Structure formats: C-alpha cells, structure tokens
Amino acid sequence: MSKIDESRPFIGVNIAVLTISDSRTRETDTSGDRLQQMILEDGHSVAARDIVTDDKDKIVARLKAFVADPQIDVVITSGGTGVTGRDITPEAFKEVMEKEIEGFGELFRWVSYQKVGTSTMQSRAIGGVAGGTYLFALPGSPSACRDGWTEILRYQLDARHRPCNLVELMPRLMEHLKTTG
C-alpha cells in the first residue's frame, strides 16, 4: 500500500540507467528506454545512461564510476540478474555495495510472482547502497523494468511517500564515514 502525501514537496533525484547486455545497443535497448521514460515522467532526472556487456569487471567499474559521481543519487540497472552463466550482475553489485537492501529483491520477486508465478524464482534482483548512492538491479525485460519502477521504486524514490521513503534517508547514507570528536 503506497500513500503519497501531496502536502509535502516533491524532490527529484538524479538517476543513472545502466543496461547490462551482450546483445543490446542504444537503438535496441527497450528496457533502458522504458526506464528512462518512466523516470522522466515521474519528475526525476536521468543523469547518465550507458550499456555494458555481461562482464563483471566492466559492470563493477561502471557502478563505481556512477557512485563516485556526486551528480548521481541512484543507479538502476537492467539485465544480468538471471541464473545463466553470463548473468553476473548480482555478483558485481556485491563487490560494490556497502550495504544490501534485502527487501528490494524480496519485494520485486513478490510483485513479479503476481504476474509470472513461480518463474520469479529465476530473478536475482538486488538492491543496496554504496558511497551514499542507491543501487538497484532489475531483470532485463521491459516488463520487469516497468514492474520494478511502477510498483516499488516510483514510491520509494518519492519524498512524499508515507510512512517513509529512501529519499529522506539520503542525507544520512554517509554517516558511517563521519569521524566523532
């Protein structure tokens, strides 16, 4: 159940979209297109957009570059979350994340179960935080990207969402790096 408190101000966030695929190009990246469209329609900014192949080192490098960019608040990836040999997005995420947001993957699979039944067990969608940046990995299909955005991320990345949201936590994501005294 999602509730938007219209009396609170909307705060747009800067989101990087990363497609992970051996076969997609900018012209054929329907999942990236879908994500970009939904992000913009909901009032946020697409701060960067890229495509990398299913190569763990390339994914890690791109994620780290996005995390290091102070203009990027959130990274959403599509692709590479399955169970085949080339699906290594969750492993790359785990190399970059400081904290995992277990509830994101759990909630994505619950949403997905409503649509594809037990086939959702093949999804290894994952979320986390690194360097004050939120990271979310979605499966590569446009419908999975739509479900992840419209059912979960749209609300958690809206500062008006009640009872709580991820945007209001952004100023506190780097607390562990502050020195005391």
C-alpha atoms as a PDB file:
ATOM      1  CA  MET A   1       0.000   0.000   0.000  1.00  0.00           C
ATOM      2  CA  SER A   2       1.568   3.249  -1.125  1.00  0.00           C
ATOM      3  CA  LYS A   3       0.432   6.660   0.018  1.00  0.00           C
ATOM      4  CA  ILE A   4       1.622   9.968  -1.425  1.00  0.00           C
ATOM      5  CA  ASP A   5       1.291  12.953   0.899  1.00  0.00           C
ATOM      6  CA  GLU A   6       0.562  15.806  -1.521  1.00  0.00           C
ATOM      7  CA  SER A   7       1.215  18.378   1.225  1.00  0.00           C
ATOM      8  CA  ARG A   8       4.924  17.508   1.128  1.00  0.00           C
ATOM      9  CA  PRO A   9       7.229  18.833  -1.607  1.00  0.00           C
ATOM     10  CA  PHE A  10       8.372  16.583  -4.442  1.00  0.00           C
ATOM     11  CA  ILE A  11      12.173  16.222  -4.576  1.00  0.00           C
ATOM     12  CA  GLY A  12      13.537  14.972  -7.879  1.00  0.00           C
ATOM     13  CA  VAL A  13      16.533  12.653  -7.754  1.00  0.00           C
ATOM     14  CA  ASN A  14      19.294  12.124 -10.323  1.00  0.00           C
ATOM     15  CA  ILE A  15      19.231   8.596 -11.667  1.00  0.00           C
ATOM     16  CA  ALA A  16      21.737   6.736 -13.847  1.00  0.00           C
ATOM     17  CA  VAL A  17      20.350   3.970 -16.065  1.00  0.00           C
ATOM     18  CA  LEU A  18      22.714   1.132 -16.937  1.00  0.00           C
ATOM     19  CA  THR A  19      21.759  -1.692 -19.281  1.00  0.00           C
ATOM     20  CA  ILE A  20      23.803  -4.872 -18.928  1.00  0.00           C
ATOM     21  CA  SER A  21      23.669  -6.938 -22.094  1.00  0.00           C
ATOM     22  CA  ASP A  22      25.858  -8.663 -24.656  1.00  0.00           C
ATOM     23  CA  SER A  23      23.351  -8.013 -27.427  1.00  0.00           C
ATOM     24  CA  ARG A  24      21.615  -4.680 -26.880  1.00  0.00           C
ATOM     25  CA  THR A  25      22.690  -1.423 -28.451  1.00  0.00           C
ATOM     26  CA  ARG A  26      21.392   2.081 -27.801  1.00  0.00           C
ATOM     27  CA  GLU A  27      18.980   1.573 -30.703  1.00  0.00           C
ATOM     28  CA  THR A  28      17.631  -1.758 -29.371  1.00  0.00           C
ATOM     29  CA  ASP A  29      17.695  -1.007 -25.632  1.00  0.00           C
ATOM     30  CA  THR A  30      13.954  -1.163 -24.995  1.00  0.00           C
ATOM     31  CA  SER A  31      14.415  -1.720 -21.242  1.00  0.00           C
ATOM     32  CA  GLY A  32      16.659   1.316 -20.883  1.00  0.00           C
ATOM     33  CA  ASP A  33      14.182   3.325 -22.955  1.00  0.00           C
ATOM     34  CA  ARG A  34      11.306   2.203 -20.733  1.00  0.00           C
ATOM     35  CA  LEU A  35      13.173   3.093 -17.539  1.00  0.00           C
ATOM     36  CA  GLN A  36      14.227   6.480 -18.870  1.00  0.00           C
ATOM     37  CA  GLN A  37      10.681   7.313 -19.941  1.00  0.00           C
ATOM     38  CA  MET A  38       9.165   6.368 -16.575  1.00  0.00           C
ATOM     39  CA  ILE A  39      11.858   8.202 -14.592  1.00  0.00           C
ATOM     40  CA  LEU A  40      11.307  11.396 -16.578  1.00  0.00           C
ATOM     41  CA  GLU A  41       7.506  11.118 -16.462  1.00  0.00           C
ATOM     42  CA  ASP A  42       7.683  10.899 -12.675  1.00  0.00           C
ATOM     43  CA  GLY A  43       9.716  14.124 -12.464  1.00  0.00           C
ATOM     44  CA  HIS A  44      13.219  12.803 -11.867  1.00  0.00           C
ATOM     45  CA  SER A  45      16.349  13.358 -13.976  1.00  0.00           C
ATOM     46  CA  VAL A  46      18.297  10.801 -15.979  1.00  0.00           C
ATOM     47  CA  ALA A  47      21.799  11.925 -15.059  1.00  0.00           C
ATOM     48  CA  ALA A  48      23.539   9.274 -17.175  1.00  0.00           C
ATOM     49  CA  ARG A  49      22.739   6.325 -19.374  1.00  0.00           C
ATOM     50  CA  ASP A  50      25.057   3.585 -20.582  1.00  0.00           C
ATOM     51  CA  ILE A  51      25.274  -0.003 -21.800  1.00  0.00           C
ATOM     52  CA  VAL A  52      27.943  -2.507 -20.753  1.00  0.00           C
ATOM     53  CA  THR A  53      28.387  -6.145 -21.647  1.00  0.00           C
ATOM     54  CA  ASP A  54      27.879  -9.008 -19.206  1.00  0.00           C
ATOM     55  CA  ASP A  55      31.437  -8.650 -17.946  1.00  0.00           C
ATOM     56  CA  LYS A  56      31.859  -8.440 -14.178  1.00  0.00           C
ATOM     57  CA  ASP A  57      34.876  -6.122 -14.271  1.00  0.00           C
ATOM     58  CA  LYS A  58      33.124  -3.713 -16.651  1.00  0.00           C
ATOM     59  CA  ILE A  59      29.969  -3.686 -14.535  1.00  0.00           C
ATOM     60  CA  VAL A  60      31.938  -3.076 -11.336  1.00  0.00           C
ATOM     61  CA  ALA A  61      33.933  -0.270 -12.970  1.00  0.00           C
ATOM     62  CA  ARG A  62      30.794   1.437 -14.294  1.00  0.00           C
ATOM     63  CA  LEU A  63      28.977   1.123 -10.972  1.00  0.00           C
ATOM     64  CA  LYS A  64      31.978   2.565  -9.116  1.00  0.00           C
ATOM     65  CA  ALA A  65      32.156   5.471 -11.573  1.00  0.00           C
ATOM     66  CA  PHE A  66      28.468   6.230 -11.044  1.00  0.00           C
ATOM     67  CA  VAL A  67      28.871   6.006  -7.250  1.00  0.00           C
ATOM     68  CA  ALA A  68      31.842   8.394  -7.398  1.00  0.00           C
ATOM     69  CA  ASP A  69      29.832  10.951  -9.387  1.00  0.00           C
ATOM     70  CA  PRO A  70      28.287  13.453  -6.933  1.00  0.00           C
ATOM     71  CA  GLN A  71      25.571  14.233  -9.506  1.00  0.00           C
ATOM     72  CA  ILE A  72      24.128  10.696  -9.292  1.00  0.00           C
ATOM     73  CA  ASP A  73      21.844   9.712  -6.405  1.00  0.00           C
ATOM     74  CA  VAL A  74      20.570   6.375  -7.715  1.00  0.00           C
ATOM     75  CA  VAL A  75      21.705   3.748 -10.235  1.00  0.00           C
ATOM     76  CA  ILE A  76      19.137   1.415 -11.797  1.00  0.00           C
ATOM     77  CA  THR A  77      20.414  -1.418 -13.951  1.00  0.00           C
ATOM     78  CA  SER A  78      18.540  -3.825 -16.191  1.00  0.00           C
ATOM     79  CA  GLY A  79      19.822  -7.221 -17.217  1.00  0.00           C
ATOM     80  CA  GLY A  80      22.123  -9.945 -15.962  1.00  0.00           C
ATOM     81  CA  THR A  81      20.049 -10.953 -12.930  1.00  0.00           C
ATOM     82  CA  GLY A  82      19.141 -14.475 -14.064  1.00  0.00           C
ATOM     83  CA  VAL A  83      20.855 -17.770 -13.379  1.00  0.00           C
ATOM     84  CA  THR A  84      22.722 -18.498 -16.615  1.00  0.00           C
ATOM     85  CA  GLY A  85      26.489 -18.420 -16.913  1.00  0.00           C
ATOM     86  CA  ARG A  86      26.653 -14.834 -18.230  1.00  0.00           C
ATOM     87  CA  ASP A  87      24.253 -13.440 -15.586  1.00  0.00           C
ATOM     88  CA  ILE A  88      26.685 -11.856 -13.134  1.00  0.00           C
ATOM     89  CA  THR A  89      25.062  -8.538 -12.202  1.00  0.00           C
ATOM     90  CA  PRO A  90      24.334  -9.502  -8.553  1.00  0.00           C
ATOM     91  CA  GLU A  91      27.942 -10.637  -8.100  1.00  0.00           C
ATOM     92  CA  ALA A  92      29.177  -7.305  -9.479  1.00  0.00           C
ATOM     93  CA  PHE A  93      26.782  -5.407  -7.207  1.00  0.00           C
ATOM     94  CA  LYS A  94      28.067  -7.304  -4.175  1.00  0.00           C
ATOM     95  CA  GLU A  95      31.602  -6.160  -4.969  1.00  0.00           C
ATOM     96  CA  VAL A  96      30.475  -2.532  -4.940  1.00  0.00           C
ATOM     97  CA  MET A  97      27.761  -2.380  -2.249  1.00  0.00           C
ATOM     98  CA  GLU A  98      28.474  -1.392   1.325  1.00  0.00           C
ATOM     99  CA  LYS A  99      25.013  -2.496   2.435  1.00  0.00           C
ATOM    100  CA  GLU A 100      22.441  -4.684   0.769  1.00  0.00           C
ATOM    101  CA  ILE A 101      18.770  -3.722   0.836  1.00  0.00           C
ATOM    102  CA  GLU A 102      17.422  -7.269   1.035  1.00  0.00           C
ATOM    103  CA  GLY A 103      13.825  -6.086   0.996  1.00  0.00           C
ATOM    104  CA  PHE A 104      14.154  -4.765  -2.556  1.00  0.00           C
ATOM    105  CA  GLY A 105      14.855  -8.183  -4.078  1.00  0.00           C
ATOM    106  CA  GLU A 106      12.247  -9.811  -1.884  1.00  0.00           C
ATOM    107  CA  LEU A 107       9.624  -7.231  -2.797  1.00  0.00           C
ATOM    108  CA  PHE A 108      10.479  -7.373  -6.502  1.00  0.00           C
ATOM    109  CA  ARG A 109      10.004 -11.148  -6.513  1.00  0.00           C
ATOM    110  CA  TRP A 110       6.689 -10.780  -4.655  1.00  0.00           C
ATOM    111  CA  VAL A 111       5.470  -8.239  -7.250  1.00  0.00           C
ATOM    112  CA  SER A 112       6.767 -10.451 -10.057  1.00  0.00           C
ATOM    113  CA  TYR A 113       5.093 -13.542  -8.601  1.00  0.00           C
ATOM    114  CA  GLN A 114       1.720 -11.856  -9.074  1.00  0.00           C
ATOM    115  CA  LYS A 115       2.445 -11.736 -12.825  1.00  0.00           C
ATOM    116  CA  VAL A 116       4.687 -14.683 -13.724  1.00  0.00           C
ATOM    117  CA  GLY A 117       4.121 -17.109 -10.859  1.00  0.00           C
ATOM    118  CA  THR A 118       6.938 -19.342  -9.746  1.00  0.00           C
ATOM    119  CA  SER A 119       9.123 -18.260 -12.678  1.00  0.00           C
ATOM    120  CA  THR A 120      10.046 -15.287 -10.496  1.00  0.00           C
ATOM    121  CA  MET A 121      12.433 -17.540  -8.564  1.00  0.00           C
ATOM    122  CA  GLN A 122      14.833 -17.160 -11.505  1.00  0.00           C
ATOM    123  CA  SER A 123      15.234 -13.434 -10.779  1.00  0.00           C
ATOM    124  CA  ARG A 124      18.110 -12.323  -8.612  1.00  0.00           C
ATOM    125  CA  ALA A 125      17.042  -8.669  -8.448  1.00  0.00           C
ATOM    126  CA  ILE A 126      19.100  -6.905  -5.798  1.00  0.00           C
ATOM    127  CA  GLY A 127      19.385  -3.508  -4.151  1.00  0.00           C
ATOM    128  CA  GLY A 128      21.924  -1.775  -1.976  1.00  0.00           C
ATOM    129  CA  VAL A 129      23.886   1.323  -1.057  1.00  0.00           C
ATOM    130  CA  ALA A 130      27.458   2.354  -1.876  1.00  0.00           C
ATOM    131  CA  GLY A 131      29.108   5.702  -1.242  1.00  0.00           C
ATOM    132  CA  GLY A 132      25.782   7.364  -0.496  1.00  0.00           C
ATOM    133  CA  THR A 133      24.270   6.130  -3.786  1.00  0.00           C
ATOM    134  CA  TYR A 134      21.380   3.703  -4.048  1.00  0.00           C
ATOM    135  CA  LEU A 135      21.896   0.757  -6.428  1.00  0.00           C
ATOM    136  CA  PHE A 136      19.068  -1.358  -7.853  1.00  0.00           C
ATOM    137  CA  ALA A 137      19.396  -4.253 -10.310  1.00  0.00           C
ATOM    138  CA  LEU A 138      16.319  -5.274 -12.282  1.00  0.00           C
ATOM    139  CA  PRO A 139      15.900  -8.077 -14.802  1.00  0.00           C
ATOM    140  CA  GLY A 140      16.390  -7.095 -18.438  1.00  0.00           C
ATOM    141  CA  SER A 141      12.861  -7.337 -19.798  1.00  0.00           C
ATOM    142  CA  PRO A 142      10.875  -4.134 -20.325  1.00  0.00           C
ATOM    143  CA  SER A 143       8.002  -5.588 -18.271  1.00  0.00           C
ATOM    144  CA  ALA A 144      10.304  -6.340 -15.322  1.00  0.00           C
ATOM    145  CA  CYS A 145      11.665  -2.795 -15.519  1.00  0.00           C
ATOM    146  CA  ARG A 146       8.119  -1.449 -15.585  1.00  0.00           C
ATOM    147  CA  ASP A 147       7.120  -3.554 -12.583  1.00  0.00           C
ATOM    148  CA  GLY A 148      10.224  -2.615 -10.592  1.00  0.00           C
ATOM    149  CA  TRP A 149       9.684   1.069 -11.247  1.00  0.00           C
ATOM    150  CA  THR A 150       5.888   1.388 -11.038  1.00  0.00           C
ATOM    151  CA  GLU A 151       5.378  -0.961  -8.093  1.00  0.00           C
ATOM    152  CA  ILE A 152       8.449  -0.184  -5.940  1.00  0.00           C
ATOM    153  CA  LEU A 153      10.991   2.437  -6.958  1.00  0.00           C
ATOM    154  CA  ARG A 154       8.493   5.111  -8.030  1.00  0.00           C
ATOM    155  CA  TYR A 155       7.256   5.237  -4.442  1.00  0.00           C
ATOM    156  CA  GLN A 156      10.481   4.739  -2.536  1.00  0.00           C
ATOM    157  CA  LEU A 157      12.176   7.462  -4.601  1.00  0.00           C
ATOM    158  CA  ASP A 158       9.361   9.943  -3.908  1.00  0.00           C
ATOM    159  CA  ALA A 159       9.949  12.102  -0.808  1.00  0.00           C
ATOM    160  CA  ARG A 160       6.178  12.431  -0.403  1.00  0.00           C
ATOM    161  CA  HIS A 161       5.652   8.690   0.119  1.00  0.00           C
ATOM    162  CA  ARG A 162       4.424   7.787   3.580  1.00  0.00           C
ATOM    163  CA  PRO A 163       5.132   6.363   6.045  1.00  0.00           C
ATOM    164  CA  CYS A 164       8.741   6.530   4.839  1.00  0.00           C
ATOM    165  CA  ASN A 165      10.900   6.576   1.714  1.00  0.00           C
ATOM    166  CA  LEU A 166      14.510   6.296   0.615  1.00  0.00           C
ATOM    167  CA  VAL A 167      14.847   9.968  -0.376  1.00  0.00           C
ATOM    168  CA  GLU A 168      14.520  11.199   3.199  1.00  0.00           C
ATOM    169  CA  LEU A 169      17.379   8.877   4.179  1.00  0.00           C
ATOM    170  CA  MET A 170      19.807  10.230   1.558  1.00  0.00           C
ATOM    171  CA  PRO A 171      21.400  12.837   3.858  1.00  0.00           C
ATOM    172  CA  ARG A 172      22.248  10.047   6.328  1.00  0.00           C
ATOM    173  CA  LEU A 173      23.742   7.467   3.966  1.00  0.00           C
ATOM    174  CA  MET A 174      27.310   8.601   4.642  1.00  0.00           C
ATOM    175  CA  GLU A 175      27.077   8.778   8.458  1.00  0.00           C
ATOM    176  CA  HIS A 176      29.432   5.827   8.858  1.00  0.00           C
ATOM    177  CA  LEU A 177      32.237   7.910   7.312  1.00  0.00           C
ATOM    178  CA  LYS A 178      31.941  10.825   9.729  1.00  0.00           C
ATOM    179  CA  THR A 179      34.513  10.998  12.488  1.00  0.00           C
ATOM    180  CA  THR A 180      33.493  11.640  16.035  1.00  0.00           C
ATOM    181  CA  GLY A 181      35.052  14.138  18.389  1.00  0.00           C
END
